[in-house]
Amino acid sequence: MSKVVNEIEYTNADEITDQHKTNKSAFDIELIKDIEASLTAVIGETKLSVSDLYNLKVGEVVELEQLIEEPVKLVLGKNELAQGRLIAVDDCYGVEITSVSTITD
């Protein structure tokens, strides 16, 4: 019985990154375009002690550090993808994009 052996050409990951920086077409979006990703809209943040968290009651207000006019952040994992304004879309919330983050090293 004979075995067929094919040579595999490997690409260095640094080369792919360098190509992506200079040529966006080096990455084929078609490979991943149908994968779903969960985005999180961050309207604000605050810090509370464990005691305060434990004692939260219905009707209490937790004040966030962000001002009302500050943009909402759209986050994927730990990466901020965009910013926008919180809006109403029928009976749901939405985010109107006002800026898109750029990819950095």
Protein backbone atom coordinates (compact mmCIF):
# COMPACT_ATOMS: atom_id res chain seq x y z
CA MET A 1 0.00 0.00 0.00
CA SER A 2 1.44 3.37 -0.97
CA LYS A 3 0.99 6.53 1.06
CA VAL A 4 0.41 9.94 -0.46
CA VAL A 5 2.44 12.66 1.17
CA ASN A 6 1.69 16.30 0.44
CA GLU A 7 3.91 19.18 1.42
CA ILE A 8 2.24 21.81 3.59
CA GLU A 9 3.24 25.43 3.27
CA TYR A 10 3.15 27.30 6.58
CA THR A 11 2.74 31.03 6.96
CA ASN A 12 4.32 32.90 9.84
CA ALA A 13 1.65 34.66 11.94
CA ASP A 14 3.79 37.84 11.98
CA GLU A 15 3.66 37.92 8.19
CA ILE A 16 -0.14 37.75 8.24
CA THR A 17 -0.30 40.62 10.75
CA ASP A 18 2.10 42.69 8.64
CA GLN A 19 0.03 42.01 5.52
CA HIS A 20 -3.15 43.00 7.35
CA LYS A 21 -1.64 46.33 8.41
CA THR A 22 -0.75 47.24 4.85
CA ASN A 23 -3.43 45.38 2.90
CA LYS A 24 -6.87 44.79 4.40
CA SER A 25 -7.67 42.31 1.63
CA ALA A 26 -5.02 39.96 3.08
CA PHE A 27 -7.76 38.81 5.49
CA ASP A 28 -10.72 37.14 3.79
CA ILE A 29 -13.85 38.20 5.68
CA GLU A 30 -15.82 35.55 3.79
CA LEU A 31 -14.30 32.92 6.08
CA ILE A 32 -15.96 34.30 9.21
CA LYS A 33 -18.77 36.59 8.06
CA ASP A 34 -21.58 34.30 9.28
CA ILE A 35 -20.20 33.77 12.79
CA GLU A 36 -22.36 35.50 15.39
CA ALA A 37 -20.73 37.66 18.04
CA SER A 38 -22.27 39.02 21.24
CA LEU A 39 -21.87 42.76 21.65
CA THR A 40 -22.35 44.52 24.97
CA ALA A 41 -23.57 48.10 25.22
CA VAL A 42 -21.93 49.76 28.23
CA ILE A 43 -23.90 52.78 29.41
CA GLY A 44 -21.80 53.37 32.50
CA GLU A 45 -19.84 51.87 35.35
CA THR A 46 -19.49 52.29 39.08
CA LYS A 47 -17.84 50.57 42.01
CA LEU A 48 -19.72 49.30 45.05
CA SER A 49 -18.50 47.50 48.12
CA VAL A 50 -19.60 43.91 48.60
CA SER A 51 -21.69 45.12 51.54
CA ASP A 52 -23.49 47.66 49.33
CA LEU A 53 -24.09 45.01 46.67
CA TYR A 54 -25.46 42.61 49.27
CA ASN A 55 -27.83 45.27 50.64
CA LEU A 56 -29.32 46.41 47.30
CA LYS A 57 -33.13 46.63 47.42
CA VAL A 58 -35.83 47.06 44.81
CA GLY A 59 -36.31 50.74 44.01
CA GLU A 60 -32.81 51.86 44.97
CA VAL A 61 -30.80 53.80 42.40
CA VAL A 62 -27.22 52.90 41.54
CA GLU A 63 -25.50 56.02 40.22
CA LEU A 64 -23.08 55.48 37.33
CA GLU A 65 -19.88 57.50 36.84
CA GLN A 66 -20.69 58.46 33.23
CA LEU A 67 -22.61 61.60 32.41
CA ILE A 68 -25.84 61.38 30.39
CA GLU A 69 -24.27 63.05 27.34
CA GLU A 70 -21.30 60.65 27.28
CA PRO A 71 -21.39 58.01 24.53
CA VAL A 72 -22.45 54.42 25.03
CA LYS A 73 -19.61 51.95 24.34
CA LEU A 74 -20.15 48.88 22.16
CA VAL A 75 -17.80 46.17 23.39
CA LEU A 76 -16.85 42.74 22.05
CA GLY A 77 -15.05 40.83 24.78
CA LYS A 78 -12.62 43.39 26.19
CA ASN A 79 -12.37 45.40 22.96
CA GLU A 80 -14.31 48.60 22.38
CA LEU A 81 -15.58 48.47 18.80
CA ALA A 82 -17.66 51.62 18.61
CA GLN A 83 -19.41 54.40 20.48
CA GLY A 84 -22.86 55.80 20.04
CA ARG A 85 -26.01 57.29 21.50
CA LEU A 86 -28.65 55.27 23.33
CA ILE A 87 -31.93 55.41 21.37
CA ALA A 88 -35.33 53.74 21.36
CA VAL A 89 -36.18 51.35 18.50
CA ASP A 90 -39.87 50.49 18.81
CA ASP A 91 -40.04 48.92 22.30
CA CYS A 92 -36.32 48.12 22.50
CA TYR A 93 -33.10 49.98 23.16
CA GLY A 94 -30.67 50.63 20.34
CA VAL A 95 -27.32 52.33 19.85
CA GLU A 96 -26.86 54.84 17.05
CA ILE A 97 -23.18 54.59 16.07
CA THR A 98 -21.32 57.90 16.28
CA SER A 99 -17.75 56.60 15.97
CA VAL A 100 -16.00 53.33 15.14
CA SER A 101 -12.76 52.34 16.85
CA THR A 102 -9.70 51.60 14.74
CA ILE A 103 -7.66 48.42 15.01
CA THR A 104 -4.36 48.99 16.77
CA ASP A 105 -1.45 46.74 17.69
